[in-house]
């Protein structure tokens, strides 16, 4: 029943977001928007790709940290393949636990991990991603007062209220981490808390991931919007839109992320086309391109195996 409710909420988010985006695209004009997208310079796209590649390095770090947590070591190439392809697929296909999990089963079980260890690895990664998003959100909101424009921003009230709630959650998690008994039993399964040092690594890696993916988007936004795209304000809105988009159960948060960013980011009527162009190019570079490359790699890998060639 709960799954059904979550799915309906996700569909509602998606429907509203698509309606909002379609309305704005109609207002801007599809031809004008297409021209803005195609006129994005190669150097801007190249810089965005640099940040995207750097972020995938951080994403691979999630697997490395999770393997350290379960106390297992596998060849570096296996980690790069499992994490890189896993995130490329789950970021776009949605249902990250299932999509990314199936990829990791494909690579890690032949490398010697048990199915239970792979499940633990995926759960640890999901927690690390959530921790990074939470801390990045708090950092973004904490920086917001230094932006004069936020004094007129209509969403400031709930922005700070939600940040306080997140801080309380982070504090509660740290209480669990530093207490003498660092394990809990759930349904007969004993869950061991990571060490404080590893927890700091989780928060640090999660924040780095969020900053890099934001910079991938920001270089596009800054080019199209210009000086109106304040770094701090853009970061605040990006983190909010990304967090809700990724938790909406819509594959890759598509439509939800774009709709929320457009709704929350202060802009003039003349800037709508520029923001939409930035969002479209970002979606293509960060989500669709890695997904296409990962799918091609998996296809070639399967073909090589059927033909008896080494992968």
Foldseek 3Di string as FASTA:
>chain_A
DVVVVLLVLLVVLQVVLVVLVVVLCVVVDVVVLVVLLVPPDPVLLVVLLVLLVVLLVLQLVLLVLLCVVVVHDFDPVLSSLLRLLLCLCCLFQPPSLVSSLVSNCVRVVVRPDDNVSSNSSSVSSVVLLVLQLLVLLLVLLVPVVVDPVCVVQPCNVVSVVVNVVSVVVVVVVVVQQPDPPQWDADPNDIDGHDHPVSVVVSNVSNNSSLVSLLVSLVSQLCVLQPPLCDPSLSSNQQSVLQVCLNSSRDRSSPSSSLSSSLVRRDDDSVSSSSSVSSVVSSCCSNHVVSNVVSVVVVVVCVVCVVVVHHD
